[in-house]
Amino acid sequence: MARTVKFTTVVDGDLLERAKVIAAQADTSINARFNAELRCLVETFEAAEASGNQNLRILLDFSLGRMESQAAMEGLGIESEEGLFLLMAQARLPDAVIQGMVDRLDSLPS
């Protein structure tokens, strides 16, 4: 049996309300959805690491601002920023994160 641990976090009120709607539509709880999403994230990351695939780490580092777009594109074998952002969208990053990256790239000198 898996060990469970209680923890406290802070979350945006609007985000929590939207999450409640999604959970209710799926006839489940916020807790169950959170655990499922966290499990998916961890297991996907661990499987990628175990196989030597660094794509998820590169996407994560890029999305958190720890890697520049050019380095991410080179690491992923992508030739355009458009391709990078399409991949980010497929990786299920929140729209706000993707939009923030687009805004930062748009602000760079040409």
PDB file of N, CA and C in Angstrom:
ATOM      1  N   MET A   1       0.841  -1.179   0.000  1.00  0.00           N
ATOM      2  CA  MET A   1       0.000   0.000   0.000  1.00  0.00           C
ATOM      3  C   MET A   1       0.888   1.245   0.000  1.00  0.00           C
ATOM      4  N   ALA A   2       0.528   2.204  -0.808  1.00  0.00           N
ATOM      5  CA  ALA A   2       1.308   3.436  -0.905  1.00  0.00           C
ATOM      6  C   ALA A   2       1.142   4.272   0.357  1.00  0.00           C
ATOM      7  N   ARG A   3       2.226   4.864   0.775  1.00  0.00           N
ATOM      8  CA  ARG A   3       2.215   5.750   1.932  1.00  0.00           C
ATOM      9  C   ARG A   3       1.664   7.102   1.494  1.00  0.00           C
ATOM     10  N   THR A   4       0.763   7.657   2.238  1.00  0.00           N
ATOM     11  CA  THR A   4       0.227   8.976   1.909  1.00  0.00           C
ATOM     12  C   THR A   4       0.733   9.995   2.907  1.00  0.00           C
ATOM     13  N   VAL A   5       0.909  11.219   2.434  1.00  0.00           N
ATOM     14  CA  VAL A   5       1.410  12.317   3.247  1.00  0.00           C
ATOM     15  C   VAL A   5       0.549  13.532   2.960  1.00  0.00           C
ATOM     16  N   LYS A   6       0.149  14.237   3.986  1.00  0.00           N
ATOM     17  CA  LYS A   6      -0.582  15.488   3.806  1.00  0.00           C
ATOM     18  C   LYS A   6       0.422  16.618   3.656  1.00  0.00           C
ATOM     19  N   PHE A   7       0.117  17.568   2.798  1.00  0.00           N
ATOM     20  CA  PHE A   7       0.955  18.752   2.672  1.00  0.00           C
ATOM     21  C   PHE A   7       0.070  19.936   2.351  1.00  0.00           C
ATOM     22  N   THR A   8       0.594  21.118   2.609  1.00  0.00           N
ATOM     23  CA  THR A   8      -0.145  22.352   2.385  1.00  0.00           C
ATOM     24  C   THR A   8       0.513  23.110   1.254  1.00  0.00           C
ATOM     25  N   THR A   9      -0.307  23.700   0.422  1.00  0.00           N
ATOM     26  CA  THR A   9       0.207  24.500  -0.687  1.00  0.00           C
ATOM     27  C   THR A   9      -0.679  25.720  -0.876  1.00  0.00           C
ATOM     28  N   VAL A  10      -0.229  26.634  -1.671  1.00  0.00           N
ATOM     29  CA  VAL A  10      -0.995  27.820  -2.011  1.00  0.00           C
ATOM     30  C   VAL A  10      -1.276  27.755  -3.513  1.00  0.00           C
ATOM     31  N   VAL A  11      -2.515  28.015  -3.869  1.00  0.00           N
ATOM     32  CA  VAL A  11      -2.902  27.955  -5.280  1.00  0.00           C
ATOM     33  C   VAL A  11      -3.807  29.149  -5.592  1.00  0.00           C
ATOM     34  N   ASP A  12      -3.716  29.616  -6.807  1.00  0.00           N
ATOM     35  CA  ASP A  12      -4.547  30.714  -7.268  1.00  0.00           C
ATOM     36  C   ASP A  12      -6.028  30.328  -7.126  1.00  0.00           C
ATOM     37  N   GLY A  13      -6.825  31.215  -6.555  1.00  0.00           N
ATOM     38  CA  GLY A  13      -8.239  30.936  -6.314  1.00  0.00           C
ATOM     39  C   GLY A  13      -9.014  30.617  -7.575  1.00  0.00           C
ATOM     40  N   ASP A  14      -8.771  31.374  -8.645  1.00  0.00           N
ATOM     41  CA  ASP A  14      -9.458  31.133  -9.907  1.00  0.00           C
ATOM     42  C   ASP A  14      -9.066  29.765 -10.474  1.00  0.00           C
ATOM     43  N   LEU A  15      -7.796  29.437 -10.365  1.00  0.00           N
ATOM     44  CA  LEU A  15      -7.325  28.139 -10.839  1.00  0.00           C
ATOM     45  C   LEU A  15      -8.001  27.007 -10.070  1.00  0.00           C
ATOM     46  N   LEU A  16      -8.123  27.164  -8.760  1.00  0.00           N
ATOM     47  CA  LEU A  16      -8.770  26.146  -7.948  1.00  0.00           C
ATOM     48  C   LEU A  16     -10.237  25.975  -8.341  1.00  0.00           C
ATOM     49  N   GLU A  17     -10.933  27.064  -8.566  1.00  0.00           N
ATOM     50  CA  GLU A  17     -12.337  26.979  -8.980  1.00  0.00           C
ATOM     51  C   GLU A  17     -12.465  26.249 -10.316  1.00  0.00           C
ATOM     52  N   ARG A  18     -11.586  26.560 -11.253  1.00  0.00           N
ATOM     53  CA  ARG A  18     -11.617  25.881 -12.559  1.00  0.00           C
ATOM     54  C   ARG A  18     -11.295  24.401 -12.406  1.00  0.00           C
ATOM     55  N   ALA A  19     -10.356  24.087 -11.512  1.00  0.00           N
ATOM     56  CA  ALA A  19      -9.992  22.682 -11.273  1.00  0.00           C
ATOM     57  C   ALA A  19     -11.164  21.922 -10.656  1.00  0.00           C
ATOM     58  N   LYS A  20     -11.919  22.568  -9.788  1.00  0.00           N
ATOM     59  CA  LYS A  20     -13.091  21.936  -9.171  1.00  0.00           C
ATOM     60  C   LYS A  20     -14.117  21.564 -10.234  1.00  0.00           C
ATOM     61  N   VAL A  21     -14.303  22.440 -11.203  1.00  0.00           N
ATOM     62  CA  VAL A  21     -15.242  22.162 -12.286  1.00  0.00           C
ATOM     63  C   VAL A  21     -14.786  20.935 -13.077  1.00  0.00           C
ATOM     64  N   ILE A  22     -13.499  20.904 -13.409  1.00  0.00           N
ATOM     65  CA  ILE A  22     -12.956  19.772 -14.167  1.00  0.00           C
ATOM     66  C   ILE A  22     -13.110  18.478 -13.370  1.00  0.00           C
ATOM     67  N   ALA A  23     -12.798  18.519 -12.084  1.00  0.00           N
ATOM     68  CA  ALA A  23     -12.922  17.329 -11.244  1.00  0.00           C
ATOM     69  C   ALA A  23     -14.377  16.873 -11.164  1.00  0.00           C
ATOM     70  N   ALA A  24     -15.293  17.813 -10.991  1.00  0.00           N
ATOM     71  CA  ALA A  24     -16.711  17.460 -10.908  1.00  0.00           C
ATOM     72  C   ALA A  24     -17.200  16.838 -12.210  1.00  0.00           C
ATOM     73  N   GLN A  25     -16.752  17.390 -13.343  1.00  0.00           N
ATOM     74  CA  GLN A  25     -17.155  16.834 -14.636  1.00  0.00           C
ATOM     75  C   GLN A  25     -16.645  15.412 -14.805  1.00  0.00           C
ATOM     76  N   ALA A  26     -15.501  15.106 -14.195  1.00  0.00           N
ATOM     77  CA  ALA A  26     -14.919  13.771 -14.285  1.00  0.00           C
ATOM     78  C   ALA A  26     -15.377  12.882 -13.129  1.00  0.00           C
ATOM     79  N   ASP A  27     -16.296  13.394 -12.299  1.00  0.00           N
ATOM     80  CA  ASP A  27     -16.814  12.657 -11.153  1.00  0.00           C
ATOM     81  C   ASP A  27     -15.682  12.161 -10.254  1.00  0.00           C
ATOM     82  N   THR A  28     -14.777  13.076  -9.924  1.00  0.00           N
ATOM     83  CA  THR A  28     -13.645  12.751  -9.057  1.00  0.00           C
ATOM     84  C   THR A  28     -13.362  13.948  -8.159  1.00  0.00           C
ATOM     85  N   SER A  29     -12.270  13.913  -7.447  1.00  0.00           N
ATOM     86  CA  SER A  29     -11.922  15.009  -6.534  1.00  0.00           C
ATOM     87  C   SER A  29     -10.666  15.730  -7.030  1.00  0.00           C
ATOM     88  N   ILE A  30     -10.472  16.928  -6.487  1.00  0.00           N
ATOM     89  CA  ILE A  30      -9.251  17.678  -6.781  1.00  0.00           C
ATOM     90  C   ILE A  30      -8.047  16.852  -6.344  1.00  0.00           C
ATOM     91  N   ASN A  31      -8.132  16.248  -5.169  1.00  0.00           N
ATOM     92  CA  ASN A  31      -7.041  15.446  -4.651  1.00  0.00           C
ATOM     93  C   ASN A  31      -6.684  14.300  -5.601  1.00  0.00           C
ATOM     94  N   ALA A  32      -7.696  13.587  -6.088  1.00  0.00           N
ATOM     95  CA  ALA A  32      -7.443  12.471  -7.003  1.00  0.00           C
ATOM     96  C   ALA A  32      -6.826  12.963  -8.312  1.00  0.00           C
ATOM     97  N   ARG A  33      -7.320  14.095  -8.834  1.00  0.00           N
ATOM     98  CA  ARG A  33      -6.776  14.648 -10.085  1.00  0.00           C
ATOM     99  C   ARG A  33      -5.335  15.099  -9.878  1.00  0.00           C
ATOM    100  N   PHE A  34      -5.086  15.775  -8.755  1.00  0.00           N
ATOM    101  CA  PHE A  34      -3.735  16.244  -8.459  1.00  0.00           C
ATOM    102  C   PHE A  34      -2.772  15.065  -8.382  1.00  0.00           C
ATOM    103  N   ASN A  35      -3.161  14.021  -7.650  1.00  0.00           N
ATOM    104  CA  ASN A  35      -2.306  12.845  -7.527  1.00  0.00           C
ATOM    105  C   ASN A  35      -2.051  12.187  -8.882  1.00  0.00           C
ATOM    106  N   ALA A  36      -3.081  12.092  -9.714  1.00  0.00           N
ATOM    107  CA  ALA A  36      -2.924  11.482 -11.034  1.00  0.00           C
ATOM    108  C   ALA A  36      -1.976  12.308 -11.904  1.00  0.00           C
ATOM    109  N   GLU A  37      -2.138  13.623 -11.891  1.00  0.00           N
ATOM    110  CA  GLU A  37      -1.272  14.483 -12.705  1.00  0.00           C
ATOM    111  C   GLU A  37       0.164  14.465 -12.201  1.00  0.00           C
ATOM    112  N   LEU A  38       0.336  14.509 -10.886  1.00  0.00           N
ATOM    113  CA  LEU A  38       1.677  14.474 -10.313  1.00  0.00           C
ATOM    114  C   LEU A  38       2.347  13.131 -10.613  1.00  0.00           C
ATOM    115  N   ARG A  39       1.605  12.049 -10.486  1.00  0.00           N
ATOM    116  CA  ARG A  39       2.136  10.724 -10.804  1.00  0.00           C
ATOM    117  C   ARG A  39       2.562  10.657 -12.272  1.00  0.00           C
ATOM    118  N   CYS A  40       1.728  11.170 -13.157  1.00  0.00           N
ATOM    119  CA  CYS A  40       2.053  11.174 -14.589  1.00  0.00           C
ATOM    120  C   CYS A  40       3.330  11.963 -14.851  1.00  0.00           C
ATOM    121  N   LEU A  41       3.443  13.136 -14.245  1.00  0.00           N
ATOM    122  CA  LEU A  41       4.638  13.957 -14.426  1.00  0.00           C
ATOM    123  C   LEU A  41       5.887  13.225 -13.959  1.00  0.00           C
ATOM    124  N   VAL A  42       5.833  12.681 -12.750  1.00  0.00           N
ATOM    125  CA  VAL A  42       7.002  12.011 -12.175  1.00  0.00           C
ATOM    126  C   VAL A  42       7.366  10.764 -12.968  1.00  0.00           C
ATOM    127  N   GLU A  43       6.381   9.936 -13.291  1.00  0.00           N
ATOM    128  CA  GLU A  43       6.670   8.695 -14.013  1.00  0.00           C
ATOM    129  C   GLU A  43       7.184   8.965 -15.428  1.00  0.00           C
ATOM    130  N   THR A  44       6.634   9.971 -16.093  1.00  0.00           N
ATOM    131  CA  THR A  44       7.111  10.324 -17.431  1.00  0.00           C
ATOM    132  C   THR A  44       8.547  10.817 -17.366  1.00  0.00           C
ATOM    133  N   PHE A  45       8.823  11.671 -16.399  1.00  0.00           N
ATOM    134  CA  PHE A  45      10.168  12.210 -16.231  1.00  0.00           C
ATOM    135  C   PHE A  45      11.159  11.094 -15.911  1.00  0.00           C
ATOM    136  N   GLU A  46      10.789  10.214 -14.976  1.00  0.00           N
ATOM    137  CA  GLU A  46      11.682   9.118 -14.603  1.00  0.00           C
ATOM    138  C   GLU A  46      11.925   8.160 -15.760  1.00  0.00           C
ATOM    139  N   ALA A  47      10.890   7.860 -16.538  1.00  0.00           N
ATOM    140  CA  ALA A  47      11.049   6.954 -17.676  1.00  0.00           C
ATOM    141  C   ALA A  47      11.963   7.580 -18.726  1.00  0.00           C
ATOM    142  N   ALA A  48      11.803   8.867 -18.965  1.00  0.00           N
ATOM    143  CA  ALA A  48      12.668   9.548 -19.934  1.00  0.00           C
ATOM    144  C   ALA A  48      14.110   9.542 -19.459  1.00  0.00           C
ATOM    145  N   GLU A  49      14.313   9.827 -18.192  1.00  0.00           N
ATOM    146  CA  GLU A  49      15.658   9.826 -17.624  1.00  0.00           C
ATOM    147  C   GLU A  49      16.291   8.436 -17.717  1.00  0.00           C
ATOM    148  N   ALA A  50      15.514   7.402 -17.389  1.00  0.00           N
ATOM    149  CA  ALA A  50      16.033   6.031 -17.397  1.00  0.00           C
ATOM    150  C   ALA A  50      16.434   5.583 -18.800  1.00  0.00           C
ATOM    151  N   SER A  51      15.721   6.078 -19.802  1.00  0.00           N
ATOM    152  CA  SER A  51      16.025   5.684 -21.179  1.00  0.00           C
ATOM    153  C   SER A  51      17.094   6.573 -21.813  1.00  0.00           C
ATOM    154  N   GLY A  52      17.532   7.586 -21.079  1.00  0.00           N
ATOM    155  CA  GLY A  52      18.546   8.490 -21.617  1.00  0.00           C
ATOM    156  C   GLY A  52      17.973   9.596 -22.485  1.00  0.00           C
ATOM    157  N   ASN A  53      16.649   9.674 -22.573  1.00  0.00           N
ATOM    158  CA  ASN A  53      15.995  10.714 -23.366  1.00  0.00           C
ATOM    159  C   ASN A  53      15.940  11.992 -22.536  1.00  0.00           C
ATOM    160  N   GLN A  54      16.576  13.034 -23.012  1.00  0.00           N
ATOM    161  CA  GLN A  54      16.644  14.298 -22.277  1.00  0.00           C
ATOM    162  C   GLN A  54      15.614  15.325 -22.743  1.00  0.00           C
ATOM    163  N   ASN A  55      14.718  14.932 -23.648  1.00  0.00           N
ATOM    164  CA  ASN A  55      13.765  15.891 -24.206  1.00  0.00           C
ATOM    165  C   ASN A  55      12.892  16.538 -23.143  1.00  0.00           C
ATOM    166  N   LEU A  56      12.385  15.748 -22.213  1.00  0.00           N
ATOM    167  CA  LEU A  56      11.531  16.319 -21.175  1.00  0.00           C
ATOM    168  C   LEU A  56      12.318  17.283 -20.297  1.00  0.00           C
ATOM    169  N   ARG A  57      13.551  16.924 -19.956  1.00  0.00           N
ATOM    170  CA  ARG A  57      14.381  17.825 -19.137  1.00  0.00           C
ATOM    171  C   ARG A  57      14.640  19.130 -19.892  1.00  0.00           C
ATOM    172  N   ILE A  58      14.914  19.031 -21.179  1.00  0.00           N
ATOM    173  CA  ILE A  58      15.157  20.239 -21.979  1.00  0.00           C
ATOM    174  C   ILE A  58      13.909  21.111 -21.996  1.00  0.00           C
ATOM    175  N   LEU A  59      12.747  20.516 -22.239  1.00  0.00           N
ATOM    176  CA  LEU A  59      11.500  21.285 -22.256  1.00  0.00           C
ATOM    177  C   LEU A  59      11.223  21.915 -20.893  1.00  0.00           C
ATOM    178  N   LEU A  60      11.475  21.164 -19.840  1.00  0.00           N
ATOM    179  CA  LEU A  60      11.261  21.702 -18.498  1.00  0.00           C
ATOM    180  C   LEU A  60      12.211  22.863 -18.226  1.00  0.00           C
ATOM    181  N   ASP A  61      13.493  22.681 -18.527  1.00  0.00           N
ATOM    182  CA  ASP A  61      14.467  23.752 -18.307  1.00  0.00           C
ATOM    183  C   ASP A  61      14.111  24.994 -19.119  1.00  0.00           C
ATOM    184  N   PHE A  62      13.687  24.791 -20.344  1.00  0.00           N
ATOM    185  CA  PHE A  62      13.304  25.925 -21.190  1.00  0.00           C
ATOM    186  C   PHE A  62      12.065  26.618 -20.627  1.00  0.00           C
ATOM    187  N   SER A  63      11.058  25.826 -20.238  1.00  0.00           N
ATOM    188  CA  SER A  63       9.813  26.418 -19.749  1.00  0.00           C
ATOM    189  C   SER A  63      10.011  27.178 -18.444  1.00  0.00           C
ATOM    190  N   LEU A  64      11.029  26.795 -17.672  1.00  0.00           N
ATOM    191  CA  LEU A  64      11.307  27.480 -16.404  1.00  0.00           C
ATOM    192  C   LEU A  64      12.327  28.603 -16.562  1.00  0.00           C
ATOM    193  N   GLY A  65      12.750  28.869 -17.784  1.00  0.00           N
ATOM    194  CA  GLY A  65      13.684  29.958 -18.044  1.00  0.00           C
ATOM    195  C   GLY A  65      15.124  29.628 -17.722  1.00  0.00           C
ATOM    196  N   ARG A  66      15.439  28.346 -17.547  1.00  0.00           N
ATOM    197  CA  ARG A  66      16.813  27.943 -17.236  1.00  0.00           C
ATOM    198  C   ARG A  66      17.610  27.637 -18.497  1.00  0.00           C
ATOM    199  N   MET A  67      16.964  27.723 -19.662  1.00  0.00           N
ATOM    200  CA  MET A  67      17.630  27.427 -20.921  1.00  0.00           C
ATOM    201  C   MET A  67      17.084  28.377 -21.984  1.00  0.00           C
ATOM    202  N   GLU A  68      17.973  28.918 -22.792  1.00  0.00           N
ATOM    203  CA  GLU A  68      17.569  29.812 -23.874  1.00  0.00           C
ATOM    204  C   GLU A  68      16.931  29.005 -25.006  1.00  0.00           C
ATOM    205  N   SER A  69      16.115  29.662 -25.818  1.00  0.00           N
ATOM    206  CA  SER A  69      15.405  28.966 -26.893  1.00  0.00           C
ATOM    207  C   SER A  69      16.359  28.306 -27.886  1.00  0.00           C
ATOM    208  N   GLN A  70      17.467  28.959 -28.215  1.00  0.00           N
ATOM    209  CA  GLN A  70      18.410  28.388 -29.187  1.00  0.00           C
ATOM    210  C   GLN A  70      18.998  27.083 -28.666  1.00  0.00           C
ATOM    211  N   ALA A  71      19.373  27.051 -27.400  1.00  0.00           N
ATOM    212  CA  ALA A  71      19.930  25.832 -26.813  1.00  0.00           C
ATOM    213  C   ALA A  71      18.870  24.729 -26.771  1.00  0.00           C
ATOM    214  N   ALA A  72      17.634  25.087 -26.460  1.00  0.00           N
ATOM    215  CA  ALA A  72      16.551  24.102 -26.431  1.00  0.00           C
ATOM    216  C   ALA A  72      16.315  23.536 -27.828  1.00  0.00           C
ATOM    217  N   MET A  73      16.296  24.405 -28.824  1.00  0.00           N
ATOM    218  CA  MET A  73      16.077  23.942 -30.197  1.00  0.00           C
ATOM    219  C   MET A  73      17.195  22.999 -30.628  1.00  0.00           C
ATOM    220  N   GLU A  74      18.422  23.340 -30.310  1.00  0.00           N
ATOM    221  CA  GLU A  74      19.552  22.465 -30.664  1.00  0.00           C
ATOM    222  C   GLU A  74      19.443  21.123 -29.945  1.00  0.00           C
ATOM    223  N   GLY A  75      19.122  21.146 -28.657  1.00  0.00           N
ATOM    224  CA  GLY A  75      19.017  19.920 -27.880  1.00  0.00           C
ATOM    225  C   GLY A  75      17.897  19.003 -28.346  1.00  0.00           C
ATOM    226  N   LEU A  76      16.838  19.606 -28.877  1.00  0.00           N
ATOM    227  CA  LEU A  76      15.683  18.836 -29.332  1.00  0.00           C
ATOM    228  C   LEU A  76      15.729  18.537 -30.833  1.00  0.00           C
ATOM    229  N   GLY A  77      16.695  19.129 -31.524  1.00  0.00           N
ATOM    230  CA  GLY A  77      16.776  18.922 -32.973  1.00  0.00           C
ATOM    231  C   GLY A  77      15.673  19.631 -33.729  1.00  0.00           C
ATOM    232  N   ILE A  78      15.274  20.799 -33.241  1.00  0.00           N
ATOM    233  CA  ILE A  78      14.212  21.590 -33.862  1.00  0.00           C
ATOM    234  C   ILE A  78      14.846  22.789 -34.537  1.00  0.00           C
ATOM    235  N   GLU A  79      14.366  23.108 -35.730  1.00  0.00           N
ATOM    236  CA  GLU A  79      15.004  24.168 -36.514  1.00  0.00           C
ATOM    237  C   GLU A  79      14.355  25.538 -36.383  1.00  0.00           C
ATOM    238  N   SER A  80      13.174  25.626 -35.775  1.00  0.00           N
ATOM    239  CA  SER A  80      12.508  26.927 -35.698  1.00  0.00           C
ATOM    240  C   SER A  80      11.872  27.132 -34.329  1.00  0.00           C
ATOM    241  N   GLU A  81      11.714  28.389 -33.962  1.00  0.00           N
ATOM    242  CA  GLU A  81      11.040  28.703 -32.711  1.00  0.00           C
ATOM    243  C   GLU A  81       9.586  28.260 -32.768  1.00  0.00           C
ATOM    244  N   GLU A  82       8.989  28.345 -33.947  1.00  0.00           N
ATOM    245  CA  GLU A  82       7.606  27.882 -34.106  1.00  0.00           C
ATOM    246  C   GLU A  82       7.508  26.399 -33.757  1.00  0.00           C
ATOM    247  N   GLY A  83       8.452  25.602 -34.237  1.00  0.00           N
ATOM    248  CA  GLY A  83       8.470  24.177 -33.927  1.00  0.00           C
ATOM    249  C   GLY A  83       8.638  23.925 -32.445  1.00  0.00           C
ATOM    250  N   LEU A  84       9.465  24.736 -31.805  1.00  0.00           N
ATOM    251  CA  LEU A  84       9.682  24.608 -30.362  1.00  0.00           C
ATOM    252  C   LEU A  84       8.387  24.881 -29.610  1.00  0.00           C
ATOM    253  N   PHE A  85       7.684  25.929 -29.975  1.00  0.00           N
ATOM    254  CA  PHE A  85       6.456  26.261 -29.268  1.00  0.00           C
ATOM    255  C   PHE A  85       5.331  25.283 -29.575  1.00  0.00           C
ATOM    256  N   LEU A  86       5.323  24.705 -30.763  1.00  0.00           N
ATOM    257  CA  LEU A  86       4.339  23.658 -31.049  1.00  0.00           C
ATOM    258  C   LEU A  86       4.600  22.439 -30.160  1.00  0.00           C
ATOM    259  N   LEU A  87       5.868  22.106 -29.989  1.00  0.00           N
ATOM    260  CA  LEU A  87       6.228  20.995 -29.116  1.00  0.00           C
ATOM    261  C   LEU A  87       5.842  21.305 -27.670  1.00  0.00           C
ATOM    262  N   MET A  88       6.060  22.537 -27.244  1.00  0.00           N
ATOM    263  CA  MET A  88       5.681  22.930 -25.890  1.00  0.00           C
ATOM    264  C   MET A  88       4.168  22.780 -25.708  1.00  0.00           C
ATOM    265  N   ALA A  89       3.405  23.162 -26.715  1.00  0.00           N
ATOM    266  CA  ALA A  89       1.944  23.035 -26.630  1.00  0.00           C
ATOM    267  C   ALA A  89       1.547  21.569 -26.518  1.00  0.00           C
ATOM    268  N   GLN A  90       2.203  20.712 -27.256  1.00  0.00           N
ATOM    269  CA  GLN A  90       1.907  19.284 -27.193  1.00  0.00           C
ATOM    270  C   GLN A  90       2.322  18.690 -25.860  1.00  0.00           C
ATOM    271  N   ALA A  91       3.268  19.314 -25.178  1.00  0.00           N
ATOM    272  CA  ALA A  91       3.733  18.826 -23.879  1.00  0.00           C
ATOM    273  C   ALA A  91       2.768  19.190 -22.761  1.00  0.00           C
ATOM    274  N   ARG A  92       1.656  19.840 -23.096  1.00  0.00           N
ATOM    275  CA  ARG A  92       0.593  20.187 -22.152  1.00  0.00           C
ATOM    276  C   ARG A  92       1.007  21.224 -21.131  1.00  0.00           C
ATOM    277  N   LEU A  93       1.873  22.126 -21.527  1.00  0.00           N
ATOM    278  CA  LEU A  93       2.198  23.227 -20.617  1.00  0.00           C
ATOM    279  C   LEU A  93       1.013  24.182 -20.568  1.00  0.00           C
ATOM    280  N   PRO A  94       0.818  24.830 -19.452  1.00  0.00           N
ATOM    281  CA  PRO A  94      -0.283  25.786 -19.351  1.00  0.00           C
ATOM    282  C   PRO A  94      -0.135  26.910 -20.377  1.00  0.00           C
ATOM    283  N   ASP A  95      -1.254  27.357 -20.905  1.00  0.00           N
ATOM    284  CA  ASP A  95      -1.247  28.419 -21.909  1.00  0.00           C
ATOM    285  C   ASP A  95      -0.504  29.656 -21.426  1.00  0.00           C
ATOM    286  N   ALA A  96      -0.644  29.989 -20.153  1.00  0.00           N
ATOM    287  CA  ALA A  96       0.021  31.183 -19.621  1.00  0.00           C
ATOM    288  C   ALA A  96       1.534  31.043 -19.692  1.00  0.00           C
ATOM    289  N   VAL A  97       2.055  29.843 -19.453  1.00  0.00           N
ATOM    290  CA  VAL A  97       3.498  29.620 -19.538  1.00  0.00           C
ATOM    291  C   VAL A  97       3.959  29.792 -20.974  1.00  0.00           C
ATOM    292  N   ILE A  98       3.224  29.187 -21.892  1.00  0.00           N
ATOM    293  CA  ILE A  98       3.584  29.285 -23.309  1.00  0.00           C
ATOM    294  C   ILE A  98       3.494  30.731 -23.769  1.00  0.00           C
ATOM    295  N   GLN A  99       2.427  31.430 -23.383  1.00  0.00           N
ATOM    296  CA  GLN A  99       2.271  32.824 -23.797  1.00  0.00           C
ATOM    297  C   GLN A  99       3.389  33.686 -23.233  1.00  0.00           C
ATOM    298  N   GLY A 100       3.808  33.426 -22.009  1.00  0.00           N
ATOM    299  CA  GLY A 100       4.918  34.168 -21.423  1.00  0.00           C
ATOM    300  C   GLY A 100       6.196  33.982 -22.219  1.00  0.00           C
ATOM    301  N   MET A 101       6.439  32.761 -22.682  1.00  0.00           N
ATOM    302  CA  MET A 101       7.631  32.501 -23.489  1.00  0.00           C
ATOM    303  C   MET A 101       7.535  33.202 -24.842  1.00  0.00           C
ATOM    304  N   VAL A 102       6.347  33.155 -25.437  1.00  0.00           N
ATOM    305  CA  VAL A 102       6.149  33.852 -26.708  1.00  0.00           C
ATOM    306  C   VAL A 102       6.394  35.340 -26.529  1.00  0.00           C
ATOM    307  N   ASP A 103       5.861  35.908 -25.464  1.00  0.00           N
ATOM    308  CA  ASP A 103       6.039  37.340 -25.203  1.00  0.00           C
ATOM    309  C   ASP A 103       7.521  37.689 -25.029  1.00  0.00           C
ATOM    310  N   ARG A 104       8.264  36.836 -24.290  1.00  0.00           N
ATOM    311  CA  ARG A 104       9.694  37.094 -24.108  1.00  0.00           C
ATOM    312  C   ARG A 104      10.435  37.018 -25.424  1.00  0.00           C
ATOM    313  N   LEU A 105      10.078  36.035 -26.256  1.00  0.00           N
ATOM    314  CA  LEU A 105      10.756  35.930 -27.558  1.00  0.00           C
ATOM    315  C   LEU A 105      10.382  37.112 -28.456  1.00  0.00           C
ATOM    316  N   ASP A 106       9.141  37.528 -28.417  1.00  0.00           N
ATOM    317  CA  ASP A 106       8.716  38.673 -29.235  1.00  0.00           C
ATOM    318  C   ASP A 106       9.441  39.955 -28.831  1.00  0.00           C
ATOM    319  N   SER A 107       9.826  40.046 -27.567  1.00  0.00           N
ATOM    320  CA  SER A 107      10.492  41.263 -27.091  1.00  0.00           C
ATOM    321  C   SER A 107      11.989  41.303 -27.433  1.00  0.00           C
ATOM    322  N   LEU A 108      12.518  40.182 -27.876  1.00  0.00           N
ATOM    323  CA  LEU A 108      13.938  40.150 -28.232  1.00  0.00           C
ATOM    324  C   LEU A 108      14.179  40.905 -29.541  1.00  0.00           C
ATOM    325  N   PRO A 109      15.353  41.546 -29.663  1.00  0.00           N
ATOM    326  CA  PRO A 109      15.651  42.219 -30.928  1.00  0.00           C
ATOM    327  C   PRO A 109      15.801  41.199 -32.060  1.00  0.00           C
ATOM    328  N   SER A 110      15.400  41.582 -33.239  1.00  0.00           N
ATOM    329  CA  SER A 110      15.460  40.678 -34.400  1.00  0.00           C
ATOM    330  C   SER A 110      16.865  40.465 -34.883  1.00  0.00           C
TER     331      SER A 110
END
